[in-house]
C-alpha atoms as a PDB file:
ATOM      1  CA  MET A   1     -17.476 114.609  27.399  1.00  0.00           C
ATOM      2  CA  ALA A   2     -19.774 113.214  29.986  1.00  0.00           C
ATOM      3  CA  VAL A   3     -19.820 109.950  31.177  1.00  0.00           C
ATOM      4  CA  PHE A   4     -23.094 108.182  30.553  1.00  0.00           C
ATOM      5  CA  GLN A   5     -24.841 106.968  33.696  1.00  0.00           C
ATOM      6  CA  PRO A   6     -28.463 105.719  33.746  1.00  0.00           C
ATOM      7  CA  THR A   7     -30.840 107.303  36.121  1.00  0.00           C
ATOM      8  CA  THR A   8     -33.759 105.577  38.532  1.00  0.00           C
ATOM      9  CA  GLU A   9     -36.017 106.172  35.652  1.00  0.00           C
ATOM     10  CA  HIS A  10     -34.124 104.856  33.060  1.00  0.00           C
ATOM     11  CA  LEU A  11     -33.766 101.673  35.395  1.00  0.00           C
ATOM     12  CA  ASP A  12     -37.703 101.771  35.896  1.00  0.00           C
ATOM     13  CA  ALA A  13     -38.198 101.694  32.256  1.00  0.00           C
ATOM     14  CA  LEU A  14     -35.967  99.192  31.434  1.00  0.00           C
ATOM     15  CA  LYS A  15     -37.562  96.848  34.755  1.00  0.00           C
ATOM     16  CA  ALA A  16     -41.236  98.030  33.007  1.00  0.00           C
ATOM     17  CA  ILE A  17     -40.742  95.659  29.606  1.00  0.00           C
ATOM     18  CA  PRO A  18     -42.560  92.594  29.841  1.00  0.00           C
ATOM     19  CA  SER A  19     -40.170  89.474  30.382  1.00  0.00           C
ATOM     20  CA  ARG A  20     -41.639  88.289  27.111  1.00  0.00           C
ATOM     21  CA  GLN A  21     -40.211  90.736  25.406  1.00  0.00           C
ATOM     22  CA  VAL A  22     -36.574  90.400  26.907  1.00  0.00           C
ATOM     23  CA  LYS A  23     -34.567  87.831  24.777  1.00  0.00           C
ATOM     24  CA  ARG A  24     -30.938  87.006  24.295  1.00  0.00           C
ATOM     25  CA  PRO A  25     -29.221  89.644  21.544  1.00  0.00           C
ATOM     26  CA  ALA A  26     -30.070  88.120  17.900  1.00  0.00           C
ATOM     27  CA  ILE A  27     -26.604  89.832  16.305  1.00  0.00           C
ATOM     28  CA  PRO A  28     -23.746  90.553  18.440  1.00  0.00           C
ATOM     29  CA  VAL A  29     -24.131  93.639  20.818  1.00  0.00           C
ATOM     30  CA  PRO A  30     -21.516  95.786  19.227  1.00  0.00           C
ATOM     31  CA  THR A  31     -22.968  95.106  15.731  1.00  0.00           C
ATOM     32  CA  CYS A  32     -26.271  96.470  17.085  1.00  0.00           C
ATOM     33  CA  LEU A  33     -24.868  99.257  18.513  1.00  0.00           C
ATOM     34  CA  GLN A  34     -22.878 100.493  15.779  1.00  0.00           C
ATOM     35  CA  GLU A  35     -26.163  99.862  13.058  1.00  0.00           C
ATOM     36  CA  ALA A  36     -28.299 101.681  15.508  1.00  0.00           C
ATOM     37  CA  HIS A  37     -25.799 104.441  15.259  1.00  0.00           C
ATOM     38  CA  ASP A  38     -25.464 104.497  11.777  1.00  0.00           C
ATOM     39  CA  LEU A  39     -29.675 104.405  11.069  1.00  0.00           C
ATOM     40  CA  TYR A  40     -29.836 107.541  13.560  1.00  0.00           C
ATOM     41  CA  VAL A  41     -27.416 109.360  11.097  1.00  0.00           C
ATOM     42  CA  TRP A  42     -29.415 107.898   8.358  1.00  0.00           C
ATOM     43  CA  SER A  43     -32.835 109.334   9.370  1.00  0.00           C
ATOM     44  CA  GLN A  44     -32.234 112.436   9.861  1.00  0.00           C
ATOM     45  CA  GLU A  45     -32.166 113.629   6.528  1.00  0.00           C
ATOM     46  CA  ASP A  46     -35.914 112.081   6.550  1.00  0.00           C
ATOM     47  CA  ARG A  47     -37.082 112.622   9.450  1.00  0.00           C
ATOM     48  CA  GLU A  48     -40.106 115.067   7.993  1.00  0.00           C
ATOM     49  CA  GLU A  49     -41.272 112.287   5.539  1.00  0.00           C
ATOM     50  CA  LEU A  50     -40.701 109.560   8.842  1.00  0.00           C
ATOM     51  CA  LEU A  51     -43.080 111.791  11.239  1.00  0.00           C
ATOM     52  CA  GLU A  52     -45.970 112.390   8.401  1.00  0.00           C
ATOM     53  CA  VAL A  53     -46.271 108.670   8.365  1.00  0.00           C
ATOM     54  CA  GLY A  54     -46.940 108.347  12.090  1.00  0.00           C
ATOM     55  CA  LEU A  55     -43.761 108.297  13.535  1.00  0.00           C
ATOM     56  CA  SER A  56     -43.563 109.598  17.049  1.00  0.00           C
ATOM     57  CA  PRO A  57     -40.770 112.137  17.225  1.00  0.00           C
ATOM     58  CA  VAL A  58     -39.539 110.923  20.847  1.00  0.00           C
ATOM     59  CA  VAL A  59     -38.151 107.621  18.970  1.00  0.00           C
ATOM     60  CA  PHE A  60     -35.046 109.736  17.872  1.00  0.00           C
ATOM     61  CA  ASP A  61     -34.260 110.611  20.809  1.00  0.00           C
ATOM     62  CA  GLU A  62     -34.921 107.482  22.624  1.00  0.00           C
ATOM     63  CA  LEU A  63     -32.926 105.867  20.144  1.00  0.00           C
ATOM     64  CA  LEU A  64     -29.928 107.692  21.049  1.00  0.00           C
ATOM     65  CA  LEU A  65     -31.102 107.167  24.817  1.00  0.00           C
ATOM     66  CA  GLY A  66     -30.782 103.112  23.887  1.00  0.00           C
ATOM     67  CA  ILE A  67     -27.528 103.210  22.519  1.00  0.00           C
ATOM     68  CA  ASP A  68     -26.396 104.699  25.782  1.00  0.00           C
ATOM     69  CA  LEU A  69     -28.160 102.186  27.825  1.00  0.00           C
ATOM     70  CA  LEU A  70     -27.028  98.888  25.909  1.00  0.00           C
ATOM     71  CA  SER A  71     -23.403 100.090  26.027  1.00  0.00           C
ATOM     72  CA  TYR A  72     -23.467 100.813  29.436  1.00  0.00           C
ATOM     73  CA  TYR A  73     -24.844  97.520  30.519  1.00  0.00           C
ATOM     74  CA  GLN A  74     -23.165  95.578  27.702  1.00  0.00           C
ATOM     75  CA  GLY A  75     -19.907  96.974  29.872  1.00  0.00           C
ATOM     76  CA  LYS A  76     -20.899  96.103  32.958  1.00  0.00           C
ATOM     77  CA  TRP A  77     -22.038  92.514  32.015  1.00  0.00           C
ATOM     78  CA  LYS A  78     -18.643  92.107  29.953  1.00  0.00           C
ATOM     79  CA  LYS A  79     -16.539  93.369  33.216  1.00  0.00           C
ATOM     80  CA  GLU A  80     -18.356  91.183  35.586  1.00  0.00           C
ATOM     81  CA  GLN A  81     -17.652  88.160  32.942  1.00  0.00           C
ATOM     82  CA  LYS A  82     -14.064  88.651  33.566  1.00  0.00           C
ATOM     83  CA  GLN A  83     -13.908  88.797  37.115  1.00  0.00           C
ATOM     84  CA  VAL A  84     -13.044  85.492  39.161  1.00  0.00           C
ATOM     85  CA  ASP A  85     -15.312  84.037  40.868  1.00  0.00           C
ATOM     86  CA  PRO A  86     -13.664  82.150  43.948  1.00  0.00           C
ATOM     87  CA  GLN A  87     -16.653  79.302  43.955  1.00  0.00           C
ATOM     88  CA  ALA A  88     -16.695  79.033  40.200  1.00  0.00           C
ATOM     89  CA  LYS A  89     -12.834  78.492  40.152  1.00  0.00           C
ATOM     90  CA  ALA A  90     -13.095  75.880  42.993  1.00  0.00           C
ATOM     91  CA  LEU A  91     -16.107  74.126  41.054  1.00  0.00           C
ATOM     92  CA  ARG A  92     -14.087  73.850  37.654  1.00  0.00           C
ATOM     93  CA  GLU A  93     -11.333  72.189  39.637  1.00  0.00           C
ATOM     94  CA  LYS A  94     -13.798  69.821  41.183  1.00  0.00           C
ATOM     95  CA  GLN A  95     -15.045  69.193  37.882  1.00  0.00           C
ATOM     96  CA  GLN A  96     -12.024  68.780  36.465  1.00  0.00           C
ATOM     97  CA  GLU A  97     -11.012  66.247  38.791  1.00  0.00           C
ATOM     98  CA  ALA A  98     -14.456  64.358  38.224  1.00  0.00           C
ATOM     99  CA  ARG A  99     -13.344  63.887  34.732  1.00  0.00           C
ATOM    100  CA  GLN A 100      -9.629  62.690  35.622  1.00  0.00           C
ATOM    101  CA  LEU A 101     -11.453  60.305  38.036  1.00  0.00           C
ATOM    102  CA  GLN A 102     -14.133  58.867  35.528  1.00  0.00           C
ATOM    103  CA  GLN A 103     -11.803  58.368  33.193  1.00  0.00           C
ATOM    104  CA  SER A 104      -9.303  56.520  35.420  1.00  0.00           C
ATOM    105  CA  VAL A 105     -12.292  54.319  36.744  1.00  0.00           C
ATOM    106  CA  ALA A 106     -13.967  53.522  33.049  1.00  0.00           C
ATOM    107  CA  ALA A 107     -10.037  52.211  31.555  1.00  0.00           C
ATOM    108  CA  ASN A 108      -9.676  50.161  34.735  1.00  0.00           C
ATOM    109  CA  MET A 109     -13.114  48.668  34.323  1.00  0.00           C
ATOM    110  CA  ARG A 110     -12.514  48.289  30.492  1.00  0.00           C
ATOM    111  CA  PHE A 111      -9.559  46.208  31.360  1.00  0.00           C
ATOM    112  CA  ALA A 112     -11.584  44.308  34.138  1.00  0.00           C
ATOM    113  CA  PHE A 113     -14.781  43.587  31.954  1.00  0.00           C
ATOM    114  CA  ARG A 114     -12.958  42.758  28.813  1.00  0.00           C
ATOM    115  CA  ARG A 115     -14.073  39.112  28.477  1.00  0.00           C
ATOM    116  CA  GLN A 116     -17.965  40.442  29.877  1.00  0.00           C
ATOM    117  CA  PRO A 117     -19.428  41.733  26.998  1.00  0.00           C
ATOM    118  CA  ASP A 118     -22.618  42.477  28.830  1.00  0.00           C
ATOM    119  CA  LEU A 119     -20.752  44.830  31.343  1.00  0.00           C
ATOM    120  CA  LEU A 120     -18.633  46.681  28.764  1.00  0.00           C
ATOM    121  CA  LYS A 121     -21.996  47.479  27.466  1.00  0.00           C
ATOM    122  CA  THR A 122     -23.298  48.942  30.771  1.00  0.00           C
ATOM    123  CA  LEU A 123     -19.842  50.889  31.243  1.00  0.00           C
ATOM    124  CA  ARG A 124     -20.250  52.227  28.047  1.00  0.00           C
ATOM    125  CA  ALA A 125     -24.159  53.504  28.492  1.00  0.00           C
ATOM    126  CA  SER A 126     -22.751  54.666  32.206  1.00  0.00           C
ATOM    127  CA  VAL A 127     -19.657  56.813  30.808  1.00  0.00           C
ATOM    128  CA  LYS A 128     -21.158  60.534  30.174  1.00  0.00           C
ATOM    129  CA  ARG A 129     -19.251  63.636  30.388  1.00  0.00           C
ATOM    130  CA  THR A 130     -21.609  66.357  29.513  1.00  0.00           C
ATOM    131  CA  PRO A 131     -24.436  68.077  30.811  1.00  0.00           C
ATOM    132  CA  TYR A 132     -22.495  67.947  34.168  1.00  0.00           C
ATOM    133  CA  ALA A 133     -25.564  66.264  35.371  1.00  0.00           C
ATOM    134  CA  ALA A 134     -24.740  63.830  33.453  1.00  0.00           C
ATOM    135  CA  LEU A 135     -21.321  63.450  34.534  1.00  0.00           C
ATOM    136  CA  TYR A 136     -22.369  63.325  38.074  1.00  0.00           C
ATOM    137  CA  GLN A 137     -24.514  60.617  37.573  1.00  0.00           C
ATOM    138  CA  SER A 138     -21.773  58.939  35.643  1.00  0.00           C
ATOM    139  CA  LEU A 139     -19.814  59.109  38.774  1.00  0.00           C
ATOM    140  CA  ASN A 140     -22.383  57.303  40.696  1.00  0.00           C
ATOM    141  CA  ASP A 141     -23.094  54.905  38.041  1.00  0.00           C
ATOM    142  CA  LEU A 142     -19.471  53.951  37.859  1.00  0.00           C
ATOM    143  CA  ALA A 143     -19.478  53.317  41.853  1.00  0.00           C
ATOM    144  CA  VAL A 144     -22.796  51.146  41.799  1.00  0.00           C
ATOM    145  CA  LEU A 145     -21.163  49.624  39.192  1.00  0.00           C
ATOM    146  CA  GLY A 146     -17.678  48.852  40.537  1.00  0.00           C
ATOM    147  CA  GLU A 147     -19.385  48.038  44.192  1.00  0.00           C
ATOM    148  CA  ALA A 148     -21.879  45.082  42.557  1.00  0.00           C
ATOM    149  CA  TYR A 149     -18.583  43.421  40.554  1.00  0.00           C
ATOM    150  CA  SER A 150     -15.938  44.031  42.880  1.00  0.00           C
ATOM    151  CA  ASP A 151     -14.363  40.493  42.186  1.00  0.00           C
ATOM    152  CA  LEU A 152     -13.519  41.570  39.070  1.00  0.00           C
ATOM    153  CA  LEU A 153     -11.747  44.969  40.053  1.00  0.00           C
ATOM    154  CA  LEU A 154     -10.370  43.150  42.813  1.00  0.00           C
ATOM    155  CA  ALA A 155      -8.584  40.390  40.394  1.00  0.00           C
ATOM    156  CA  ILE A 156      -6.957  43.285  38.451  1.00  0.00           C
ATOM    157  CA  GLY A 157      -5.423  44.952  41.770  1.00  0.00           C
ATOM    158  CA  PHE A 158      -8.202  48.265  41.302  1.00  0.00           C
ATOM    159  CA  ASN A 159      -7.505  50.877  44.128  1.00  0.00           C
ATOM    160  CA  PHE A 160     -10.894  51.034  45.281  1.00  0.00           C
ATOM    161  CA  ASP A 161     -10.684  54.122  46.825  1.00  0.00           C
ATOM    162  CA  GLU A 162     -11.534  55.715  43.712  1.00  0.00           C
ATOM    163  CA  LEU A 163     -15.120  54.285  44.173  1.00  0.00           C
ATOM    164  CA  ALA A 164     -15.351  56.187  47.154  1.00  0.00           C
ATOM    165  CA  GLN A 165     -14.517  59.312  45.678  1.00  0.00           C
ATOM    166  CA  ALA A 166     -16.111  58.551  42.820  1.00  0.00           C
ATOM    167  CA  ARG A 167     -19.662  58.613  44.945  1.00  0.00           C
ATOM    168  CA  GLN A 168     -18.323  61.616  47.134  1.00  0.00           C
ATOM    169  CA  LEU A 169     -17.820  64.000  44.091  1.00  0.00           C
ATOM    170  CA  ALA A 170     -21.300  62.356  42.588  1.00  0.00           C
ATOM    171  CA  ASN A 171     -23.145  63.823  45.771  1.00  0.00           C
ATOM    172  CA  ASP A 172     -21.071  67.010  46.831  1.00  0.00           C
ATOM    173  CA  LEU A 173     -20.837  68.589  42.897  1.00  0.00           C
ATOM    174  CA  PRO A 174     -24.617  69.254  42.135  1.00  0.00           C
ATOM    175  CA  ALA A 175     -25.068  71.037  45.542  1.00  0.00           C
ATOM    176  CA  TRP A 176     -21.578  73.484  44.336  1.00  0.00           C
ATOM    177  CA  HIS A 177     -22.711  73.539  40.975  1.00  0.00           C
ATOM    178  CA  ALA A 178     -26.434  74.967  41.650  1.00  0.00           C
ATOM    179  CA  SER A 179     -24.361  77.293  44.394  1.00  0.00           C
ATOM    180  CA  VAL A 180     -22.365  78.983  41.848  1.00  0.00           C
ATOM    181  CA  SER A 181     -25.012  78.823  39.023  1.00  0.00           C
ATOM    182  CA  PRO A 182     -27.811  81.387  39.579  1.00  0.00           C
ATOM    183  CA  ARG A 183     -31.019  81.035  37.559  1.00  0.00           C
ATOM    184  CA  THR A 184     -30.521  85.213  36.571  1.00  0.00           C
ATOM    185  CA  ASN A 185     -27.462  87.346  36.736  1.00  0.00           C
ATOM    186  CA  PRO A 186     -28.945  90.713  37.280  1.00  0.00           C
ATOM    187  CA  ALA A 187     -25.895  92.500  35.062  1.00  0.00           C
ATOM    188  CA  LYS A 188     -27.179  90.329  31.952  1.00  0.00           C
ATOM    189  CA  GLU A 189     -30.740  90.446  32.903  1.00  0.00           C
ATOM    190  CA  LEU A 190     -30.579  94.631  32.670  1.00  0.00           C
ATOM    191  CA  ARG A 191     -28.177  94.027  29.427  1.00  0.00           C
ATOM    192  CA  ASP A 192     -30.532  92.130  27.447  1.00  0.00           C
ATOM    193  CA  ARG A 193     -33.278  94.478  28.709  1.00  0.00           C
ATOM    194  CA  ALA A 194     -31.549  97.405  27.052  1.00  0.00           C
ATOM    195  CA  TYR A 195     -31.178  95.842  24.006  1.00  0.00           C
ATOM    196  CA  ALA A 196     -35.017  94.840  23.991  1.00  0.00           C
ATOM    197  CA  TYR A 197     -35.100  98.402  24.592  1.00  0.00           C
ATOM    198  CA  LEU A 198     -33.314  99.706  21.788  1.00  0.00           C
ATOM    199  CA  LYS A 199     -34.485  96.981  19.314  1.00  0.00           C
ATOM    200  CA  LYS A 200     -38.051  98.190  19.483  1.00  0.00           C
ATOM    201  CA  ARG A 201     -36.958 101.873  18.661  1.00  0.00           C
ATOM    202  CA  VAL A 202     -34.834 100.620  16.078  1.00  0.00           C
ATOM    203  CA  ASP A 203     -37.720  97.988  14.659  1.00  0.00           C
ATOM    204  CA  GLU A 204     -39.714 101.040  14.528  1.00  0.00           C
ATOM    205  CA  LEU A 205     -37.720 103.460  12.673  1.00  0.00           C
ATOM    206  CA  ARG A 206     -36.815 100.934   9.988  1.00  0.00           C
ATOM    207  CA  THR A 207     -39.885  99.524   9.268  1.00  0.00           C
ATOM    208  CA  CYS A 208     -41.266 102.973   8.734  1.00  0.00           C
ATOM    209  CA  GLY A 209     -38.024 104.292   7.117  1.00  0.00           C
ATOM    210  CA  LYS A 210     -38.595 100.910   4.274  1.00  0.00           C
ATOM    211  CA  TYR A 211     -42.610 102.040   4.175  1.00  0.00           C
ATOM    212  CA  VAL A 212     -41.899 105.679   3.245  1.00  0.00           C
ATOM    213  CA  PHE A 213     -38.917 104.529   0.479  1.00  0.00           C
ATOM    214  CA  ARG A 214     -40.639 101.770  -0.634  1.00  0.00           C
ATOM    215  CA  GLN A 215     -39.774 102.886  -4.405  1.00  0.00           C
ATOM    216  CA  MET A 216     -36.654 104.521  -3.602  1.00  0.00           C
ATOM    217  CA  PRO A 217     -34.369 101.580  -3.255  1.00  0.00           C
ATOM    218  CA  SER A 218     -31.111 103.546  -2.988  1.00  0.00           C
ATOM    219  CA  ARG A 219     -32.928 105.204   0.348  1.00  0.00           C
ATOM    220  CA  GLN A 220     -34.298 102.531   1.328  1.00  0.00           C
ATOM    221  CA  ARG A 221     -31.145 100.099   1.870  1.00  0.00           C
ATOM    222  CA  GLY A 222     -30.194 102.694   4.740  1.00  0.00           C
ATOM    223  CA  TYR A 223     -33.280 101.254   6.893  1.00  0.00           C
ATOM    224  CA  VAL A 224     -31.896  97.271   6.538  1.00  0.00           C
ATOM    225  CA  SER A 225     -29.667  95.894   8.915  1.00  0.00           C
ATOM    226  CA  PRO A 226     -26.392  95.279   7.030  1.00  0.00           C
ATOM    227  CA  PHE A 227     -25.827  92.287   9.385  1.00  0.00           C
ATOM    228  CA  MET A 228     -29.210  90.523   8.854  1.00  0.00           C
ATOM    229  CA  ARG A 229     -28.623  91.117   5.190  1.00  0.00           C
ATOM    230  CA  ARG A 230     -25.631  89.658   5.131  1.00  0.00           C
ATOM    231  CA  LYS A 231     -27.168  86.780   7.086  1.00  0.00           C
ATOM    232  CA  PHE A 232     -29.678  86.253   4.689  1.00  0.00           C
ATOM    233  CA  GLN A 233     -27.444  86.406   1.614  1.00  0.00           C
ATOM    234  CA  ALA A 234     -25.056  83.623   3.217  1.00  0.00           C
ATOM    235  CA  GLU A 235     -28.281  81.370   4.211  1.00  0.00           C
ATOM    236  CA  GLN A 236     -29.200  81.708   0.466  1.00  0.00           C
ATOM    237  CA  ARG A 237     -25.732  80.937  -0.631  1.00  0.00           C
ATOM    238  CA  ALA A 238     -25.536  77.870   1.584  1.00  0.00           C
ATOM    239  CA  ARG A 239     -29.444  76.617  -0.023  1.00  0.00           C
ATOM    240  CA  SER A 240     -28.011  77.001  -3.734  1.00  0.00           C
ATOM    241  CA  LYS A 241     -24.952  74.564  -2.688  1.00  0.00           C
ATOM    242  CA  GLN A 242     -27.097  72.314  -1.239  1.00  0.00           C
ATOM    243  CA  LYS A 243     -28.915  72.158  -4.509  1.00  0.00           C
ATOM    244  CA  GLU A 244     -26.175  71.648  -6.532  1.00  0.00           C
END
């Protein structure tokens, strides 16, 4: 069996999808792929009825193409996620160093400021760990606070090198973070575009099938997403329990 390989035309079709239609998959991709395949198989028996209400015959072929495209680009995206980026690894190590330093400085300050309620309140407000931007700002705030009340820290034998290190990390880490966190990831964007391509065909086929078999529940059920049906039922049960 030949391995699917997207062509230039396929890539152009994905890139032509308006950005407003490109969103993170609403259901797990493996589930989406399985449901799309099951939908295709189910719909073959109803092909004539579906075409009679205006469904384009190309939808069936495009549905199969969408399955291949999403499967291909999901694999590419997953493979890229597993690859170790040296810069990203270095950033994680620096962030861990920043957290440990923050804990050390904060612990020393809590002891040094133990008889100063106002300073302890300021300290609590300065110790933030997430998101990362807050962690970096926290290191800078701790350095400023420590320098302002150096006499209290000096009295407990505090190592002032930690304040210099905190200020340095606060200055350096934002640039490190920006360098390994691009706004868009090409592999992920193509995966999301492939999902949008497939979803459009799936939605069109489901809509037609639900209409054609609106008075035949046993046949209509094949045009309803099992994942979304289970999700809806779970939400209904949760609401019922809340009312009890």
